[in-house]
Amino acid sequence: PSLISDMAKDHLKTGGKRFRALIALQAGSALELEARSVTYWAAAVELLHNATLVHDDLQDGDELRRGEPTVWRKYGKGQAINVGDLMLMVPYQILSCLDVEGEHLRQLFGRFSYRTIETVRGQSLEMTLRENLNFDRETYIQALRGKTGQLLALAVEGPLVLSDMEPQQAGKIASSFECLGIAFQIFDDIKDVYFDKGRGQIGNDLREGKISALTIAHLEACPKDRPALTRLLKKPFNDVSKDEVLFWKKRFTSSGASQACETWAHSFVEKASLGVHGCPLAPLMEQTIL
């Protein structure tokens, strides 16, 4: 249990390194499943997650992840695409090694494909938010539910299916973990401006022109700042100075945006907890959010 809590904190420090795999393994343990099948599932989910990170870094132009050069920066854009594509395909090879047959195997492949598709939808929607400078809260949440929430849900959905749980109920419980993913991403948005996430400097989301929980909450409190904030987000990455980042950091604090985002994130944590109430994964959820 303490390891789960530590990994949840590590998600905020390093972008979730191995967090989803550990969630899958702990879900399998909670459901008293055979270790081999759960390990295969965990590996498949972790490979998928890392594939999205490789492509995400390329799309955003990020040069560092977890304090190290990103794949595209180290090996070039073409090879980064190849690496990401490979890690999208290998999970299906891994899943073909599962010692399950018939309906269970069909469900596992189906859920893996479905949530992969939804992850891409979320990433695409986030890019649309950025391109259109759309600060709509609900659209932002839809993007997070896709790009971040689906992979957390997927981590536990496989073990639930393997446990012979009815498919609709398994999907419902797994989807509660989407809310946990949304909360983590909101906290991550806060961390980008207030702490170094291993990317060499704070405020990279602002430099990349991202629509974040902080920018949304700030403009809800101070709509008059929209023209100025829009101008900042339209600037090229290297044209945004450290002083500008620090200025907006102070503005987000004075407007109460950072506190509002924390409250917002905690509301999704509560939804996640309520969604698994009374089920075998309730202790896992509780340990994860401690």
C-alpha atoms as a PDB file:
ATOM      1  CA  PRO A   1       0.000   0.000   0.000  1.00  0.00           C
ATOM      2  CA  SER A   2       2.717   2.522   0.852  1.00  0.00           C
ATOM      3  CA  LEU A   3       4.392   1.781  -2.472  1.00  0.00           C
ATOM      4  CA  ILE A   4       1.176   2.686  -4.312  1.00  0.00           C
ATOM      5  CA  SER A   5       1.057   6.018  -2.495  1.00  0.00           C
ATOM      6  CA  ASP A   6       4.715   6.663  -3.318  1.00  0.00           C
ATOM      7  CA  MET A   7       4.072   5.914  -6.982  1.00  0.00           C
ATOM      8  CA  ALA A   8       1.103   8.261  -7.016  1.00  0.00           C
ATOM      9  CA  LYS A   9       3.427  10.991  -5.796  1.00  0.00           C
ATOM     10  CA  ASP A  10       6.012   9.897  -8.356  1.00  0.00           C
ATOM     11  CA  HIS A  11       3.411  10.503 -11.056  1.00  0.00           C
ATOM     12  CA  LEU A  12       3.492  14.185 -10.191  1.00  0.00           C
ATOM     13  CA  LYS A  13       7.282  14.240 -10.085  1.00  0.00           C
ATOM     14  CA  THR A  14       8.129  12.296 -13.230  1.00  0.00           C
ATOM     15  CA  GLY A  15       5.059  12.187 -15.415  1.00  0.00           C
ATOM     16  CA  GLY A  16       3.821   8.874 -14.045  1.00  0.00           C
ATOM     17  CA  LYS A  17       6.819   6.614 -14.692  1.00  0.00           C
ATOM     18  CA  ARG A  18       5.610   3.005 -14.264  1.00  0.00           C
ATOM     19  CA  PHE A  19       2.586   4.217 -12.301  1.00  0.00           C
ATOM     20  CA  ARG A  20       0.010   2.578 -14.561  1.00  0.00           C
ATOM     21  CA  ALA A  21       1.852  -0.738 -14.576  1.00  0.00           C
ATOM     22  CA  LEU A  22       1.945  -0.762 -10.798  1.00  0.00           C
ATOM     23  CA  ILE A  23      -1.769   0.049 -10.599  1.00  0.00           C
ATOM     24  CA  ALA A  24      -2.488  -2.912 -12.894  1.00  0.00           C
ATOM     25  CA  LEU A  25      -0.346  -5.260 -10.791  1.00  0.00           C
ATOM     26  CA  GLN A  26      -1.942  -4.118  -7.549  1.00  0.00           C
ATOM     27  CA  ALA A  27      -5.418  -4.483  -9.056  1.00  0.00           C
ATOM     28  CA  GLY A  28      -4.559  -8.044 -10.001  1.00  0.00           C
ATOM     29  CA  SER A  29      -3.344  -8.720  -6.484  1.00  0.00           C
ATOM     30  CA  ALA A  30      -6.510  -7.243  -4.973  1.00  0.00           C
ATOM     31  CA  LEU A  31      -8.614  -9.482  -7.214  1.00  0.00           C
ATOM     32  CA  GLU A  32      -6.433 -12.530  -6.390  1.00  0.00           C
ATOM     33  CA  LEU A  33      -5.558 -13.188 -10.021  1.00  0.00           C
ATOM     34  CA  GLU A  34      -2.808 -15.351 -11.461  1.00  0.00           C
ATOM     35  CA  ALA A  35       0.304 -13.188 -11.640  1.00  0.00           C
ATOM     36  CA  ARG A  36       1.452 -14.079 -15.168  1.00  0.00           C
ATOM     37  CA  SER A  37      -1.611 -12.744 -16.991  1.00  0.00           C
ATOM     38  CA  VAL A  38      -1.716  -9.568 -14.929  1.00  0.00           C
ATOM     39  CA  THR A  39       1.980  -8.957 -15.577  1.00  0.00           C
ATOM     40  CA  TYR A  40       1.421  -9.241 -19.333  1.00  0.00           C
ATOM     41  CA  TRP A  41      -1.466  -6.786 -19.083  1.00  0.00           C
ATOM     42  CA  ALA A  42       0.572  -4.344 -17.004  1.00  0.00           C
ATOM     43  CA  ALA A  43       3.439  -4.466 -19.510  1.00  0.00           C
ATOM     44  CA  ALA A  44       1.073  -3.822 -22.417  1.00  0.00           C
ATOM     45  CA  VAL A  45      -0.477  -0.800 -20.694  1.00  0.00           C
ATOM     46  CA  GLU A  46       2.930   0.607 -19.778  1.00  0.00           C
ATOM     47  CA  LEU A  47       4.203   0.272 -23.345  1.00  0.00           C
ATOM     48  CA  LEU A  48       1.097   2.037 -24.629  1.00  0.00           C
ATOM     49  CA  HIS A  49       1.590   4.836 -22.119  1.00  0.00           C
ATOM     50  CA  ASN A  50       5.190   5.355 -23.145  1.00  0.00           C
ATOM     51  CA  ALA A  51       4.220   5.349 -26.814  1.00  0.00           C
ATOM     52  CA  THR A  52       1.884   8.273 -26.139  1.00  0.00           C
ATOM     53  CA  LEU A  53       4.654  10.105 -24.279  1.00  0.00           C
ATOM     54  CA  VAL A  54       7.104   9.736 -27.171  1.00  0.00           C
ATOM     55  CA  HIS A  55       4.558  11.108 -29.634  1.00  0.00           C
ATOM     56  CA  ASP A  56       3.397  13.792 -27.195  1.00  0.00           C
ATOM     57  CA  ASP A  57       6.952  15.084 -26.731  1.00  0.00           C
ATOM     58  CA  LEU A  58       7.362  15.289 -30.494  1.00  0.00           C
ATOM     59  CA  GLN A  59       4.076  17.149 -30.949  1.00  0.00           C
ATOM     60  CA  ASP A  60       4.873  19.612 -28.153  1.00  0.00           C
ATOM     61  CA  GLY A  61       8.535  20.052 -29.056  1.00  0.00           C
ATOM     62  CA  ASP A  62       9.592  19.073 -25.525  1.00  0.00           C
ATOM     63  CA  GLU A  63      13.328  18.436 -25.307  1.00  0.00           C
ATOM     64  CA  LEU A  64      13.413  16.969 -21.788  1.00  0.00           C
ATOM     65  CA  ARG A  65      11.371  14.347 -19.978  1.00  0.00           C
ATOM     66  CA  ARG A  66      12.235  13.222 -16.464  1.00  0.00           C
ATOM     67  CA  GLY A  67      15.436  15.225 -16.739  1.00  0.00           C
ATOM     68  CA  GLU A  68      16.672  13.356 -19.823  1.00  0.00           C
ATOM     69  CA  PRO A  69      16.614  14.233 -23.553  1.00  0.00           C
ATOM     70  CA  THR A  70      13.366  13.150 -25.207  1.00  0.00           C
ATOM     71  CA  VAL A  71      13.476  10.471 -27.885  1.00  0.00           C
ATOM     72  CA  TRP A  72      12.991  12.870 -30.788  1.00  0.00           C
ATOM     73  CA  ARG A  73      15.642  15.232 -29.434  1.00  0.00           C
ATOM     74  CA  LYS A  74      18.176  12.432 -29.028  1.00  0.00           C
ATOM     75  CA  TYR A  75      17.466  10.336 -32.129  1.00  0.00           C
ATOM     76  CA  GLY A  76      15.509  12.606 -34.467  1.00  0.00           C
ATOM     77  CA  LYS A  77      11.832  13.057 -35.298  1.00  0.00           C
ATOM     78  CA  GLY A  78      11.637  10.153 -37.730  1.00  0.00           C
ATOM     79  CA  GLN A  79      13.002   7.634 -35.246  1.00  0.00           C
ATOM     80  CA  ALA A  80      10.735   9.015 -32.518  1.00  0.00           C
ATOM     81  CA  ILE A  81       7.733   8.273 -34.721  1.00  0.00           C
ATOM     82  CA  ASN A  82       9.081   4.771 -35.322  1.00  0.00           C
ATOM     83  CA  VAL A  83       9.640   4.174 -31.600  1.00  0.00           C
ATOM     84  CA  GLY A  84       6.165   5.402 -30.718  1.00  0.00           C
ATOM     85  CA  ASP A  85       4.567   3.312 -33.469  1.00  0.00           C
ATOM     86  CA  LEU A  86       6.460   0.230 -32.318  1.00  0.00           C
ATOM     87  CA  MET A  87       5.303   0.677 -28.729  1.00  0.00           C
ATOM     88  CA  LEU A  88       1.726   1.020 -29.973  1.00  0.00           C
ATOM     89  CA  MET A  89       1.942  -2.346 -31.744  1.00  0.00           C
ATOM     90  CA  VAL A  90       3.983  -4.471 -29.340  1.00  0.00           C
ATOM     91  CA  PRO A  91       1.227  -4.512 -26.654  1.00  0.00           C
ATOM     92  CA  TYR A  92      -1.007  -6.544 -28.962  1.00  0.00           C
ATOM     93  CA  GLN A  93       1.789  -9.092 -29.379  1.00  0.00           C
ATOM     94  CA  ILE A  94       2.089  -9.250 -25.591  1.00  0.00           C
ATOM     95  CA  LEU A  95      -1.662  -9.673 -25.125  1.00  0.00           C
ATOM     96  CA  SER A  96      -1.659 -12.566 -27.615  1.00  0.00           C
ATOM     97  CA  CYS A  97       0.479 -14.454 -25.066  1.00  0.00           C
ATOM     98  CA  LEU A  98      -2.222 -14.328 -22.377  1.00  0.00           C
ATOM     99  CA  ASP A  99      -3.434 -17.696 -21.121  1.00  0.00           C
ATOM    100  CA  VAL A 100      -7.085 -16.840 -21.779  1.00  0.00           C
ATOM    101  CA  GLU A 101      -9.402 -17.774 -24.594  1.00  0.00           C
ATOM    102  CA  GLY A 102     -12.731 -16.972 -26.187  1.00  0.00           C
ATOM    103  CA  GLU A 103     -14.871 -14.210 -24.713  1.00  0.00           C
ATOM    104  CA  HIS A 104     -12.273 -13.049 -22.189  1.00  0.00           C
ATOM    105  CA  LEU A 105      -9.651 -12.559 -24.898  1.00  0.00           C
ATOM    106  CA  ARG A 106     -12.149 -10.745 -27.107  1.00  0.00           C
ATOM    107  CA  GLN A 107     -13.060  -8.394 -24.270  1.00  0.00           C
ATOM    108  CA  LEU A 108      -9.424  -7.683 -23.417  1.00  0.00           C
ATOM    109  CA  PHE A 109      -8.486  -6.822 -26.992  1.00  0.00           C
ATOM    110  CA  GLY A 110     -11.673  -4.818 -27.383  1.00  0.00           C
ATOM    111  CA  ARG A 111     -11.179  -2.741 -24.245  1.00  0.00           C
ATOM    112  CA  PHE A 112      -7.504  -2.190 -25.015  1.00  0.00           C
ATOM    113  CA  SER A 113      -8.345  -0.933 -28.512  1.00  0.00           C
ATOM    114  CA  TYR A 114     -11.259   1.201 -27.336  1.00  0.00           C
ATOM    115  CA  ARG A 115      -9.323   3.046 -24.655  1.00  0.00           C
ATOM    116  CA  THR A 116      -6.353   3.499 -26.987  1.00  0.00           C
ATOM    117  CA  ILE A 117      -8.680   5.194 -29.471  1.00  0.00           C
ATOM    118  CA  GLU A 118     -10.128   7.391 -26.732  1.00  0.00           C
ATOM    119  CA  THR A 119      -6.613   8.362 -25.643  1.00  0.00           C
ATOM    120  CA  VAL A 120      -5.832   9.587 -29.145  1.00  0.00           C
ATOM    121  CA  ARG A 121      -9.155  11.457 -29.247  1.00  0.00           C
ATOM    122  CA  GLY A 122      -8.211  13.211 -26.012  1.00  0.00           C
ATOM    123  CA  GLN A 123      -4.797  14.202 -27.322  1.00  0.00           C
ATOM    124  CA  SER A 124      -6.364  15.505 -30.528  1.00  0.00           C
ATOM    125  CA  LEU A 125      -8.934  17.517 -28.564  1.00  0.00           C
ATOM    126  CA  GLU A 126      -6.206  19.053 -26.403  1.00  0.00           C
ATOM    127  CA  MET A 127      -4.379  20.166 -29.533  1.00  0.00           C
ATOM    128  CA  THR A 128      -7.614  21.705 -30.841  1.00  0.00           C
ATOM    129  CA  LEU A 129      -8.008  23.639 -27.584  1.00  0.00           C
ATOM    130  CA  ARG A 130      -4.534  25.039 -28.080  1.00  0.00           C
ATOM    131  CA  GLU A 131      -5.025  25.869 -31.745  1.00  0.00           C
ATOM    132  CA  ASN A 132      -8.316  27.670 -31.088  1.00  0.00           C
ATOM    133  CA  LEU A 133      -7.310  29.148 -27.710  1.00  0.00           C
ATOM    134  CA  ASN A 134     -10.455  27.615 -26.279  1.00  0.00           C
ATOM    135  CA  PHE A 135     -10.652  28.095 -22.504  1.00  0.00           C
ATOM    136  CA  ASP A 136     -13.882  26.136 -22.037  1.00  0.00           C
ATOM    137  CA  ARG A 137     -13.723  24.117 -18.835  1.00  0.00           C
ATOM    138  CA  GLU A 138     -15.890  21.217 -19.987  1.00  0.00           C
ATOM    139  CA  THR A 139     -14.001  20.735 -23.248  1.00  0.00           C
ATOM    140  CA  TYR A 140     -10.743  20.748 -21.307  1.00  0.00           C
ATOM    141  CA  ILE A 141     -12.083  18.015 -19.017  1.00  0.00           C
ATOM    142  CA  GLN A 142     -13.113  15.935 -22.034  1.00  0.00           C
ATOM    143  CA  ALA A 143      -9.547  16.195 -23.303  1.00  0.00           C
ATOM    144  CA  LEU A 144      -8.114  15.095 -19.954  1.00  0.00           C
ATOM    145  CA  ARG A 145     -10.575  12.232 -19.669  1.00  0.00           C
ATOM    146  CA  GLY A 146      -9.203  10.999 -22.964  1.00  0.00           C
ATOM    147  CA  LYS A 147      -5.481  11.654 -22.925  1.00  0.00           C
ATOM    148  CA  THR A 148      -4.865  10.901 -19.222  1.00  0.00           C
ATOM    149  CA  GLY A 149      -7.911   9.164 -17.782  1.00  0.00           C
ATOM    150  CA  GLN A 150      -8.189   6.316 -20.274  1.00  0.00           C
ATOM    151  CA  LEU A 151      -4.816   4.782 -19.501  1.00  0.00           C
ATOM    152  CA  LEU A 152      -5.485   4.697 -15.773  1.00  0.00           C
ATOM    153  CA  ALA A 153      -8.869   3.114 -16.433  1.00  0.00           C
ATOM    154  CA  LEU A 154      -7.254   0.603 -18.771  1.00  0.00           C
ATOM    155  CA  ALA A 155      -4.743  -0.441 -16.109  1.00  0.00           C
ATOM    156  CA  VAL A 156      -7.515  -1.805 -13.898  1.00  0.00           C
ATOM    157  CA  GLU A 157     -10.011  -2.851 -16.561  1.00  0.00           C
ATOM    158  CA  GLY A 158      -7.921  -5.809 -17.693  1.00  0.00           C
ATOM    159  CA  PRO A 159      -7.699  -7.338 -14.228  1.00  0.00           C
ATOM    160  CA  LEU A 160     -11.433  -6.748 -13.728  1.00  0.00           C
ATOM    161  CA  VAL A 161     -12.207  -8.625 -16.950  1.00  0.00           C
ATOM    162  CA  LEU A 162      -9.827 -11.419 -15.970  1.00  0.00           C
ATOM    163  CA  SER A 163     -11.669 -11.722 -12.648  1.00  0.00           C
ATOM    164  CA  ASP A 164     -14.876 -12.745 -14.516  1.00  0.00           C
ATOM    165  CA  MET A 165     -16.668  -9.540 -13.596  1.00  0.00           C
ATOM    166  CA  GLU A 166     -19.639  -8.692 -15.803  1.00  0.00           C
ATOM    167  CA  PRO A 167     -18.304  -6.451 -18.631  1.00  0.00           C
ATOM    168  CA  GLN A 168     -20.598  -3.481 -18.005  1.00  0.00           C
ATOM    169  CA  GLN A 169     -19.746  -3.425 -14.305  1.00  0.00           C
ATOM    170  CA  ALA A 170     -16.028  -3.803 -15.053  1.00  0.00           C
ATOM    171  CA  GLY A 171     -16.183  -0.833 -17.418  1.00  0.00           C
ATOM    172  CA  LYS A 172     -18.059   1.269 -14.878  1.00  0.00           C
ATOM    173  CA  ILE A 173     -15.526   0.621 -12.116  1.00  0.00           C
ATOM    174  CA  ALA A 174     -12.595   1.162 -14.464  1.00  0.00           C
ATOM    175  CA  SER A 175     -14.061   4.471 -15.623  1.00  0.00           C
ATOM    176  CA  SER A 176     -13.912   5.748 -12.048  1.00  0.00           C
ATOM    177  CA  PHE A 177     -10.147   5.767 -12.517  1.00  0.00           C
ATOM    178  CA  GLU A 178     -10.638   8.251 -15.359  1.00  0.00           C
ATOM    179  CA  CYS A 179     -11.509  10.821 -12.691  1.00  0.00           C
ATOM    180  CA  LEU A 180      -8.265  10.008 -10.919  1.00  0.00           C
ATOM    181  CA  GLY A 181      -6.398  10.681 -14.160  1.00  0.00           C
ATOM    182  CA  ILE A 182      -8.134  14.035 -14.541  1.00  0.00           C
ATOM    183  CA  ALA A 183      -7.135  14.999 -11.004  1.00  0.00           C
ATOM    184  CA  PHE A 184      -3.518  14.030 -11.624  1.00  0.00           C
ATOM    185  CA  GLN A 185      -3.415  16.128 -14.792  1.00  0.00           C
ATOM    186  CA  ILE A 186      -4.826  19.184 -13.041  1.00  0.00           C
ATOM    187  CA  PHE A 187      -2.190  18.814 -10.339  1.00  0.00           C
ATOM    188  CA  ASP A 188       0.391  18.410 -13.109  1.00  0.00           C
ATOM    189  CA  ASP A 189      -0.760  21.704 -14.669  1.00  0.00           C
ATOM    190  CA  ILE A 190      -0.205  23.419 -11.326  1.00  0.00           C
ATOM    191  CA  LYS A 191       3.186  21.792 -10.921  1.00  0.00           C
ATOM    192  CA  ASP A 192       4.351  23.012 -14.341  1.00  0.00           C
ATOM    193  CA  VAL A 193       4.172  26.644 -13.217  1.00  0.00           C
ATOM    194  CA  TYR A 194       5.147  26.276  -9.571  1.00  0.00           C
ATOM    195  CA  PHE A 195       7.769  23.479  -9.647  1.00  0.00           C
ATOM    196  CA  ASP A 196      10.354  22.039 -12.029  1.00  0.00           C
ATOM    197  CA  LYS A 197       8.996  18.807 -13.530  1.00  0.00           C
ATOM    198  CA  GLY A 198      12.377  17.730 -14.865  1.00  0.00           C
ATOM    199  CA  ARG A 199      12.007  19.851 -17.990  1.00  0.00           C
ATOM    200  CA  GLY A 200      14.782  22.282 -17.092  1.00  0.00           C
ATOM    201  CA  GLN A 201      12.537  25.223 -16.174  1.00  0.00           C
ATOM    202  CA  ILE A 202       9.063  26.112 -14.961  1.00  0.00           C
ATOM    203  CA  GLY A 203       6.256  27.346 -17.185  1.00  0.00           C
ATOM    204  CA  ASN A 204       6.788  25.198 -20.262  1.00  0.00           C
ATOM    205  CA  ASP A 205       3.028  24.789 -20.678  1.00  0.00           C
ATOM    206  CA  LEU A 206       2.786  28.572 -21.073  1.00  0.00           C
ATOM    207  CA  ARG A 207       5.671  28.575 -23.541  1.00  0.00           C
ATOM    208  CA  GLU A 208       3.991  25.831 -25.567  1.00  0.00           C
ATOM    209  CA  GLY A 209       0.700  27.725 -25.666  1.00  0.00           C
ATOM    210  CA  LYS A 210      -1.178  25.009 -23.799  1.00  0.00           C
ATOM    211  CA  ILE A 211      -4.627  25.512 -22.371  1.00  0.00           C
ATOM    212  CA  SER A 212      -4.245  24.380 -18.768  1.00  0.00           C
ATOM    213  CA  ALA A 213      -6.323  24.203 -15.626  1.00  0.00           C
ATOM    214  CA  LEU A 214      -4.495  27.306 -14.382  1.00  0.00           C
ATOM    215  CA  THR A 215      -5.238  29.424 -17.449  1.00  0.00           C
ATOM    216  CA  ILE A 216      -8.894  28.366 -17.396  1.00  0.00           C
ATOM    217  CA  ALA A 217      -9.338  29.038 -13.672  1.00  0.00           C
ATOM    218  CA  HIS A 218      -7.538  32.370 -13.937  1.00  0.00           C
ATOM    219  CA  LEU A 219      -9.682  33.656 -16.788  1.00  0.00           C
ATOM    220  CA  GLU A 220     -12.825  32.536 -14.977  1.00  0.00           C
ATOM    221  CA  ALA A 221     -11.717  34.789 -12.107  1.00  0.00           C
ATOM    222  CA  CYS A 222     -10.148  37.573 -14.228  1.00  0.00           C
ATOM    223  CA  PRO A 223     -11.734  37.598 -17.707  1.00  0.00           C
ATOM    224  CA  LYS A 224     -10.151  40.988 -18.440  1.00  0.00           C
ATOM    225  CA  ASP A 225      -6.759  39.242 -18.632  1.00  0.00           C
ATOM    226  CA  ARG A 226      -7.787  37.182 -21.658  1.00  0.00           C
ATOM    227  CA  PRO A 227      -6.168  39.432 -24.325  1.00  0.00           C
ATOM    228  CA  ALA A 228      -2.844  39.564 -22.478  1.00  0.00           C
ATOM    229  CA  LEU A 229      -2.794  35.839 -21.720  1.00  0.00           C
ATOM    230  CA  THR A 230      -3.775  35.038 -25.296  1.00  0.00           C
ATOM    231  CA  ARG A 231      -0.867  37.097 -26.596  1.00  0.00           C
ATOM    232  CA  LEU A 232       1.515  35.159 -24.352  1.00  0.00           C
ATOM    233  CA  LEU A 233       0.194  31.776 -25.478  1.00  0.00           C
ATOM    234  CA  LYS A 234       0.569  32.749 -29.131  1.00  0.00           C
ATOM    235  CA  LYS A 235       4.253  33.534 -28.733  1.00  0.00           C
ATOM    236  CA  PRO A 236       6.897  31.093 -30.010  1.00  0.00           C
ATOM    237  CA  PHE A 237       8.328  28.877 -27.279  1.00  0.00           C
ATOM    238  CA  ASN A 238      11.716  30.608 -27.074  1.00  0.00           C
ATOM    239  CA  ASP A 239      10.224  34.105 -27.121  1.00  0.00           C
ATOM    240  CA  VAL A 240       8.539  33.645 -23.728  1.00  0.00           C
ATOM    241  CA  SER A 241      10.898  34.986 -21.082  1.00  0.00           C
ATOM    242  CA  LYS A 242      11.421  33.774 -17.544  1.00  0.00           C
ATOM    243  CA  ASP A 243      10.123  37.131 -16.281  1.00  0.00           C
ATOM    244  CA  GLU A 244       6.872  36.634 -18.186  1.00  0.00           C
ATOM    245  CA  VAL A 245       6.426  33.195 -16.666  1.00  0.00           C
ATOM    246  CA  LEU A 246       7.061  34.586 -13.191  1.00  0.00           C
ATOM    247  CA  PHE A 247       4.591  37.421 -13.836  1.00  0.00           C
ATOM    248  CA  TRP A 248       1.817  34.990 -14.713  1.00  0.00           C
ATOM    249  CA  LYS A 249       2.750  32.734 -11.830  1.00  0.00           C
ATOM    250  CA  LYS A 250       2.076  35.681  -9.511  1.00  0.00           C
ATOM    251  CA  ARG A 251      -1.150  36.499 -11.351  1.00  0.00           C
ATOM    252  CA  PHE A 252      -2.385  32.910 -10.991  1.00  0.00           C
ATOM    253  CA  THR A 253      -1.662  33.065  -7.277  1.00  0.00           C
ATOM    254  CA  SER A 254      -3.272  36.461  -6.692  1.00  0.00           C
ATOM    255  CA  SER A 255      -6.405  35.539  -8.667  1.00  0.00           C
ATOM    256  CA  GLY A 256      -6.832  32.378  -6.605  1.00  0.00           C
ATOM    257  CA  ALA A 257      -6.448  30.218  -9.726  1.00  0.00           C
ATOM    258  CA  SER A 258      -3.942  27.829  -8.152  1.00  0.00           C
ATOM    259  CA  GLN A 259      -6.170  27.265  -5.125  1.00  0.00           C
ATOM    260  CA  ALA A 260      -9.228  26.879  -7.342  1.00  0.00           C
ATOM    261  CA  CYS A 261      -7.405  24.231  -9.367  1.00  0.00           C
ATOM    262  CA  GLU A 262      -6.494  22.282  -6.237  1.00  0.00           C
ATOM    263  CA  THR A 263     -10.151  22.326  -5.182  1.00  0.00           C
ATOM    264  CA  TRP A 264     -11.153  21.277  -8.684  1.00  0.00           C
ATOM    265  CA  ALA A 265      -8.700  18.374  -8.656  1.00  0.00           C
ATOM    266  CA  HIS A 266      -9.894  17.198  -5.247  1.00  0.00           C
ATOM    267  CA  SER A 267     -13.479  17.120  -6.542  1.00  0.00           C
ATOM    268  CA  PHE A 268     -12.408  14.559  -9.141  1.00  0.00           C
ATOM    269  CA  VAL A 269     -10.561  12.564  -6.505  1.00  0.00           C
ATOM    270  CA  GLU A 270     -13.835  12.380  -4.570  1.00  0.00           C
ATOM    271  CA  LYS A 271     -15.715  11.243  -7.683  1.00  0.00           C
ATOM    272  CA  ALA A 272     -13.108   8.559  -8.264  1.00  0.00           C
ATOM    273  CA  SER A 273     -13.422   7.315  -4.707  1.00  0.00           C
ATOM    274  CA  LEU A 274     -17.224   7.210  -4.820  1.00  0.00           C
ATOM    275  CA  GLY A 275     -17.144   5.290  -8.086  1.00  0.00           C
ATOM    276  CA  VAL A 276     -15.393   2.288  -6.548  1.00  0.00           C
ATOM    277  CA  HIS A 277     -17.225   2.296  -3.220  1.00  0.00           C
ATOM    278  CA  GLY A 278     -17.966  -1.235  -2.096  1.00  0.00           C
ATOM    279  CA  CYS A 279     -15.980  -2.964  -4.844  1.00  0.00           C
ATOM    280  CA  PRO A 280     -12.729  -4.969  -4.450  1.00  0.00           C
ATOM    281  CA  LEU A 281     -10.649  -2.076  -5.844  1.00  0.00           C
ATOM    282  CA  ALA A 282     -11.861   0.452  -3.257  1.00  0.00           C
ATOM    283  CA  PRO A 283      -8.778  -0.092  -1.028  1.00  0.00           C
ATOM    284  CA  LEU A 284      -6.506   0.352  -4.050  1.00  0.00           C
ATOM    285  CA  MET A 285      -8.180   3.644  -4.920  1.00  0.00           C
ATOM    286  CA  GLU A 286      -7.888   4.840  -1.323  1.00  0.00           C
ATOM    287  CA  GLN A 287      -4.202   3.921  -1.149  1.00  0.00           C
ATOM    288  CA  THR A 288      -3.499   5.622  -4.468  1.00  0.00           C
ATOM    289  CA  ILE A 289      -4.989   8.969  -3.487  1.00  0.00           C
ATOM    290  CA  LEU A 290      -3.433   9.186  -0.013  1.00  0.00           C
END
